[in-house]
C-alpha atoms as a PDB file:
ATOM      1  CA  MET A   1       6.784 -24.570  23.783  1.00  0.00           C
ATOM      2  CA  GLN A   2       5.376 -21.286  21.517  1.00  0.00           C
ATOM      3  CA  ASP A   3       1.530 -20.150  23.047  1.00  0.00           C
ATOM      4  CA  ASP A   4      -1.157 -19.599  19.778  1.00  0.00           C
ATOM      5  CA  ALA A   5      -0.350 -15.733  20.431  1.00  0.00           C
ATOM      6  CA  THR A   6       3.555 -16.368  20.167  1.00  0.00           C
ATOM      7  CA  ALA A   7       3.464 -18.891  17.061  1.00  0.00           C
ATOM      8  CA  GLY A   8       4.565 -17.638  13.645  1.00  0.00           C
ATOM      9  CA  ASN A   9       1.908 -16.160  11.411  1.00  0.00           C
ATOM     10  CA  LYS A  10       1.183 -16.926   7.594  1.00  0.00           C
ATOM     11  CA  VAL A  11       2.049 -13.778   6.286  1.00  0.00           C
ATOM     12  CA  GLY A  12       5.355 -13.237   6.409  1.00  0.00           C
ATOM     13  CA  ASN A  13       6.242 -16.015   9.069  1.00  0.00           C
ATOM     14  CA  ARG A  14       6.482 -13.709  11.451  1.00  0.00           C
ATOM     15  CA  ARG A  15       6.059 -13.836  15.334  1.00  0.00           C
ATOM     16  CA  ASP A  16       3.148 -11.579  16.814  1.00  0.00           C
ATOM     17  CA  GLU A  17       5.001  -8.269  15.605  1.00  0.00           C
ATOM     18  CA  THR A  18       2.741  -9.187  12.288  1.00  0.00           C
ATOM     19  CA  ALA A  19       0.064 -10.629  13.297  1.00  0.00           C
ATOM     20  CA  GLY A  20      -3.186  -8.481  13.625  1.00  0.00           C
ATOM     21  CA  LEU A  21      -2.602  -6.142  11.367  1.00  0.00           C
ATOM     22  CA  ARG A  22      -5.213  -4.073  10.272  1.00  0.00           C
ATOM     23  CA  TRP A  23      -5.903  -3.918   6.146  1.00  0.00           C
ATOM     24  CA  ALA A  24      -7.949  -1.457   4.465  1.00  0.00           C
ATOM     25  CA  LEU A  25      -8.625  -2.797   0.786  1.00  0.00           C
ATOM     26  CA  GLY A  26     -10.400  -0.794  -1.713  1.00  0.00           C
ATOM     27  CA  TYR A  27     -10.885  -1.941  -4.827  1.00  0.00           C
ATOM     28  CA  ASP A  28     -13.421  -2.067  -8.241  1.00  0.00           C
ATOM     29  CA  HIS A  29     -14.829  -5.018 -10.192  1.00  0.00           C
ATOM     30  CA  ALA A  30     -11.372  -5.710 -12.141  1.00  0.00           C
ATOM     31  CA  GLY A  31     -10.469  -6.159  -8.531  1.00  0.00           C
ATOM     32  CA  PHE A  32     -12.916  -7.831  -6.635  1.00  0.00           C
ATOM     33  CA  ARG A  33     -11.437 -11.313  -7.324  1.00  0.00           C
ATOM     34  CA  LEU A  34      -7.847 -10.750  -6.354  1.00  0.00           C
ATOM     35  CA  ALA A  35      -9.339  -8.504  -3.054  1.00  0.00           C
ATOM     36  CA  SER A  36     -11.264 -11.552  -2.183  1.00  0.00           C
ATOM     37  CA  GLN A  37      -8.338 -13.638  -2.149  1.00  0.00           C
ATOM     38  CA  LEU A  38      -6.313 -11.631  -0.480  1.00  0.00           C
ATOM     39  CA  ALA A  39      -8.742 -10.965   2.304  1.00  0.00           C
ATOM     40  CA  GLU A  40      -8.820 -14.723   2.889  1.00  0.00           C
ATOM     41  CA  TYR A  41      -5.342 -15.060   2.875  1.00  0.00           C
ATOM     42  CA  LEU A  42      -4.557 -12.114   5.323  1.00  0.00           C
ATOM     43  CA  THR A  43      -8.115 -13.246   7.453  1.00  0.00           C
ATOM     44  CA  SER A  44      -6.325 -16.535   7.724  1.00  0.00           C
ATOM     45  CA  ALA A  45      -2.980 -15.081   9.323  1.00  0.00           C
ATOM     46  CA  GLN A  46      -4.880 -13.377  12.115  1.00  0.00           C
ATOM     47  CA  HIS A  47      -4.919  -9.998   9.944  1.00  0.00           C
ATOM     48  CA  PHE A  48      -8.491  -7.879  10.011  1.00  0.00           C
ATOM     49  CA  VAL A  49      -9.500  -6.712   7.208  1.00  0.00           C
ATOM     50  CA  THR A  50     -11.793  -4.186   6.504  1.00  0.00           C
ATOM     51  CA  HIS A  51     -13.318  -4.273   2.184  1.00  0.00           C
ATOM     52  CA  PHE A  52     -14.636  -0.915   0.348  1.00  0.00           C
ATOM     53  CA  GLY A  53     -15.290  -2.384  -2.811  1.00  0.00           C
ATOM     54  CA  PRO A  54     -18.539  -3.713  -4.415  1.00  0.00           C
ATOM     55  CA  LEU A  55     -20.438  -6.774  -3.395  1.00  0.00           C
ATOM     56  CA  ASN A  56     -19.267  -8.588  -6.689  1.00  0.00           C
ATOM     57  CA  ASP A  57     -17.626  -7.962 -10.106  1.00  0.00           C
ATOM     58  CA  LEU A  58     -20.953  -8.317 -12.518  1.00  0.00           C
ATOM     59  CA  GLU A  59     -21.294  -4.565 -12.543  1.00  0.00           C
ATOM     60  CA  SER A  60     -18.723  -2.142 -13.395  1.00  0.00           C
ATOM     61  CA  VAL A  61     -18.328   0.445 -10.742  1.00  0.00           C
ATOM     62  CA  ASP A  62     -15.773   3.363 -10.330  1.00  0.00           C
ATOM     63  CA  TYR A  63     -12.708   2.420  -8.434  1.00  0.00           C
ATOM     64  CA  VAL A  64     -11.994   6.253  -6.979  1.00  0.00           C
ATOM     65  CA  PRO A  65     -14.060   6.335  -4.271  1.00  0.00           C
ATOM     66  CA  PHE A  66     -13.013   3.042  -3.040  1.00  0.00           C
ATOM     67  CA  CYS A  67      -9.615   3.548  -3.296  1.00  0.00           C
ATOM     68  CA  ILE A  68      -9.865   7.123  -1.523  1.00  0.00           C
ATOM     69  CA  ALA A  69     -12.076   5.491   1.140  1.00  0.00           C
ATOM     70  CA  ALA A  70      -9.140   2.435   1.923  1.00  0.00           C
ATOM     71  CA  ALA A  71      -6.578   4.983   1.704  1.00  0.00           C
ATOM     72  CA  THR A  72      -8.194   7.730   4.277  1.00  0.00           C
ATOM     73  CA  GLU A  73      -8.414   4.605   6.800  1.00  0.00           C
ATOM     74  CA  VAL A  74      -4.813   4.311   6.813  1.00  0.00           C
ATOM     75  CA  ALA A  75      -3.754   8.249   7.116  1.00  0.00           C
ATOM     76  CA  ALA A  76      -6.478   8.231   9.867  1.00  0.00           C
ATOM     77  CA  ALA A  77      -4.857   5.087  11.605  1.00  0.00           C
ATOM     78  CA  ARG A  78      -7.426   2.836  11.728  1.00  0.00           C
ATOM     79  CA  ALA A  79      -5.661   0.466   9.523  1.00  0.00           C
ATOM     80  CA  ASP A  80      -2.325  -0.383   9.444  1.00  0.00           C
ATOM     81  CA  PHE A  81      -1.506  -0.469   5.665  1.00  0.00           C
ATOM     82  CA  GLY A  82      -3.963  -0.600   2.654  1.00  0.00           C
ATOM     83  CA  ILE A  83      -4.117  -2.355  -0.589  1.00  0.00           C
ATOM     84  CA  VAL A  84      -5.952  -0.957  -3.751  1.00  0.00           C
ATOM     85  CA  ILE A  85      -6.731  -3.290  -6.717  1.00  0.00           C
ATOM     86  CA  GLY A  86      -8.152  -2.364 -10.134  1.00  0.00           C
ATOM     87  CA  GLY A  87      -7.234  -4.019 -14.025  1.00  0.00           C
ATOM     88  CA  SER A  88      -4.027  -2.583 -13.837  1.00  0.00           C
ATOM     89  CA  GLY A  89      -3.744  -0.932 -10.321  1.00  0.00           C
ATOM     90  CA  GLN A  90      -2.377   2.318 -12.004  1.00  0.00           C
ATOM     91  CA  GLY A  91      -5.624   4.724 -11.086  1.00  0.00           C
ATOM     92  CA  GLU A  92      -5.865   3.293  -7.796  1.00  0.00           C
ATOM     93  CA  GLN A  93      -2.943   4.148  -7.040  1.00  0.00           C
ATOM     94  CA  MET A  94      -3.338   7.826  -8.418  1.00  0.00           C
ATOM     95  CA  ALA A  95      -6.611   8.044  -6.258  1.00  0.00           C
ATOM     96  CA  ALA A  96      -5.222   6.803  -2.959  1.00  0.00           C
ATOM     97  CA  ASN A  97      -2.020   9.044  -3.422  1.00  0.00           C
ATOM     98  CA  LYS A  98      -4.441  11.840  -3.341  1.00  0.00           C
ATOM     99  CA  VAL A  99      -5.437  11.507   0.647  1.00  0.00           C
ATOM    100  CA  ARG A 100      -2.862  13.357   2.461  1.00  0.00           C
ATOM    101  CA  GLY A 101       0.048  11.018   4.422  1.00  0.00           C
ATOM    102  CA  ILE A 102      -0.277   8.342   2.087  1.00  0.00           C
ATOM    103  CA  ARG A 103       2.560   6.854  -0.111  1.00  0.00           C
ATOM    104  CA  ALA A 104       0.881   4.498  -2.440  1.00  0.00           C
ATOM    105  CA  ALA A 105       2.749   2.404  -4.241  1.00  0.00           C
ATOM    106  CA  LEU A 106       2.186   0.182  -7.380  1.00  0.00           C
ATOM    107  CA  CYS A 107       4.257  -2.972  -7.193  1.00  0.00           C
ATOM    108  CA  THR A 108       4.369  -5.445 -10.403  1.00  0.00           C
ATOM    109  CA  ASP A 109       7.124  -7.535  -8.660  1.00  0.00           C
ATOM    110  CA  ALA A 110       8.405  -8.499  -5.081  1.00  0.00           C
ATOM    111  CA  HIS A 111      11.238  -6.441  -5.725  1.00  0.00           C
ATOM    112  CA  PHE A 112       9.222  -3.189  -6.304  1.00  0.00           C
ATOM    113  CA  ALA A 113       7.073  -4.184  -2.782  1.00  0.00           C
ATOM    114  CA  LEU A 114      10.776  -4.658  -1.599  1.00  0.00           C
ATOM    115  CA  LEU A 115      11.722  -1.118  -2.065  1.00  0.00           C
ATOM    116  CA  ALA A 116       8.750   0.742  -1.936  1.00  0.00           C
ATOM    117  CA  ARG A 117       8.542  -0.395   2.427  1.00  0.00           C
ATOM    118  CA  ARG A 118      12.188  -0.224   2.914  1.00  0.00           C
ATOM    119  CA  ASP A 119      13.010   3.257   0.717  1.00  0.00           C
ATOM    120  CA  ASN A 120       9.865   4.552   0.524  1.00  0.00           C
ATOM    121  CA  ASP A 121       7.794   3.582   3.724  1.00  0.00           C
ATOM    122  CA  ALA A 122       5.209   3.264   1.372  1.00  0.00           C
ATOM    123  CA  ASN A 123       1.755   2.369   3.309  1.00  0.00           C
ATOM    124  CA  VAL A 124      -0.714   1.498   0.594  1.00  0.00           C
ATOM    125  CA  LEU A 125       0.172  -1.614  -1.979  1.00  0.00           C
ATOM    126  CA  ALA A 126      -1.299  -1.140  -5.328  1.00  0.00           C
ATOM    127  CA  LEU A 127      -1.644  -4.428  -7.394  1.00  0.00           C
ATOM    128  CA  PRO A 128      -2.856  -5.294 -11.185  1.00  0.00           C
ATOM    129  CA  GLY A 129      -6.186  -7.385 -10.473  1.00  0.00           C
ATOM    130  CA  ARG A 130      -6.525  -8.298 -14.164  1.00  0.00           C
ATOM    131  CA  MET A 131      -2.508  -8.711 -14.078  1.00  0.00           C
ATOM    132  CA  MET A 132      -1.659 -10.892 -11.270  1.00  0.00           C
ATOM    133  CA  ALA A 133      -1.818 -14.736 -10.424  1.00  0.00           C
ATOM    134  CA  LYS A 134      -3.200 -14.965  -6.329  1.00  0.00           C
ATOM    135  CA  GLU A 135      -0.094 -16.766  -5.302  1.00  0.00           C
ATOM    136  CA  TYR A 136       2.345 -14.036  -6.529  1.00  0.00           C
ATOM    137  CA  ALA A 137       0.397 -11.541  -5.025  1.00  0.00           C
ATOM    138  CA  GLU A 138       0.365 -13.266  -1.617  1.00  0.00           C
ATOM    139  CA  GLN A 139       4.398 -13.526  -1.998  1.00  0.00           C
ATOM    140  CA  ILE A 140       4.026  -9.508  -2.611  1.00  0.00           C
ATOM    141  CA  VAL A 141       1.968  -8.844   0.174  1.00  0.00           C
ATOM    142  CA  GLU A 142       4.114 -11.498   2.518  1.00  0.00           C
ATOM    143  CA  ILE A 143       7.673  -8.936   1.197  1.00  0.00           C
ATOM    144  CA  TRP A 144       5.261  -6.130   2.361  1.00  0.00           C
ATOM    145  CA  THR A 145       4.612  -7.056   5.458  1.00  0.00           C
ATOM    146  CA  ASP A 146       7.939  -8.166   6.556  1.00  0.00           C
ATOM    147  CA  THR A 147       9.860  -5.394   5.295  1.00  0.00           C
ATOM    148  CA  LYS A 148      10.753  -2.825   7.273  1.00  0.00           C
ATOM    149  CA  PHE A 149      12.031   1.179   6.488  1.00  0.00           C
ATOM    150  CA  ALA A 150      15.032   1.842   6.626  1.00  0.00           C
ATOM    151  CA  GLY A 151      15.385   5.677   7.507  1.00  0.00           C
ATOM    152  CA  GLY A 152      17.862   7.148   7.218  1.00  0.00           C
ATOM    153  CA  ARG A 153      18.617   9.471   3.926  1.00  0.00           C
ATOM    154  CA  HIS A 154      15.113   8.257   3.339  1.00  0.00           C
ATOM    155  CA  LEU A 155      13.558  10.218   6.441  1.00  0.00           C
ATOM    156  CA  ARG A 156      15.017  13.543   4.093  1.00  0.00           C
ATOM    157  CA  ARG A 157      12.867  12.956   1.208  1.00  0.00           C
ATOM    158  CA  LEU A 158       9.508  11.909   2.947  1.00  0.00           C
ATOM    159  CA  GLY A 159       9.994  15.051   5.133  1.00  0.00           C
ATOM    160  CA  GLN A 160      10.282  17.410   1.996  1.00  0.00           C
ATOM    161  CA  ILE A 161       7.154  15.075   0.363  1.00  0.00           C
ATOM    162  CA  ALA A 162       5.197  16.176   4.135  1.00  0.00           C
ATOM    163  CA  LEU A 163       6.114  19.525   3.463  1.00  0.00           C
ATOM    164  CA  TYR A 164       4.717  19.908   0.646  1.00  0.00           C
ATOM    165  CA  GLU A 165       1.752  18.302   1.415  1.00  0.00           C
ATOM    166  CA  LYS A 166       1.722  21.284   4.046  1.00  0.00           C
ATOM    167  CA  GLY A 167       2.285  23.306   1.453  1.00  0.00           C
ATOM    168  CA  GLU A 168       5.737  24.711   2.895  1.00  0.00           C
ATOM    169  CA  LEU A 169       8.096  22.976   0.546  1.00  0.00           C
ATOM    170  CA  GLN A 170      10.675  25.231  -1.035  1.00  0.00           C
ATOM    171  CA  PHE A 171      11.048  25.008  -4.068  1.00  0.00           C
ATOM    172  CA  PRO A 172      14.456  25.137  -6.517  1.00  0.00           C
ATOM    173  CA  GLN A 173      14.848  28.823  -8.489  1.00  0.00           C
ATOM    174  CA  VAL A 174      13.287  28.427 -12.130  1.00  0.00           C
ATOM    175  CA  GLY A 175      16.404  27.822 -14.561  1.00  0.00           C
ATOM    176  CA  THR A 176      18.878  26.467 -11.994  1.00  0.00           C
ATOM    177  CA  SER A 177      20.538  23.270 -11.928  1.00  0.00           C
ATOM    178  CA  ARG A 178      22.339  22.152  -9.064  1.00  0.00           C
ATOM    179  CA  GLY A 179      22.195  25.373  -7.589  1.00  0.00           C
ATOM    180  CA  LYS A 180      24.347  27.112 -10.960  1.00  0.00           C
ATOM    181  CA  GLU A 181      22.590  29.225 -13.481  1.00  0.00           C
ATOM    182  CA  ILE A 182      21.959  27.090 -16.988  1.00  0.00           C
ATOM    183  CA  THR A 183      23.663  28.926 -19.585  1.00  0.00           C
END
């Protein structure tokens, strides 16, 4: 018999290995509705949600400070994952990616969510609030939560990104292709 601590949770339908994840949500007025719906979804699955966004969708607000604040929570390990939401998700992803250590991915379908987590160890999910139904966003979050980073050859690439963030990445010479001179 399972007790409440080991029963499957709603997000990912997994046991306690994903229960109680900490999520930072950053959004503007265009992402307010979807963010509110996802926060309800996540908390019903026993996850913890911190909001960075307006209190309603009545006035236009800039997404940049809210998305950077959510990404900063992830980078500082005060949140396990972030979700940034705006009208298209494009600018929100760009803002989040300005925070060192953040790998934000705009995922407009379930397959992109799987690839972002599996191959890129993405830690912030960007969603288009004006273009996505709540149920589909929930499916994307579930896949995001369930997918583990594959490691392998992908570790080398993430290492190169980290080197660039520290200003230590060696760039190829100008005018070379695969190490040979271009003629």
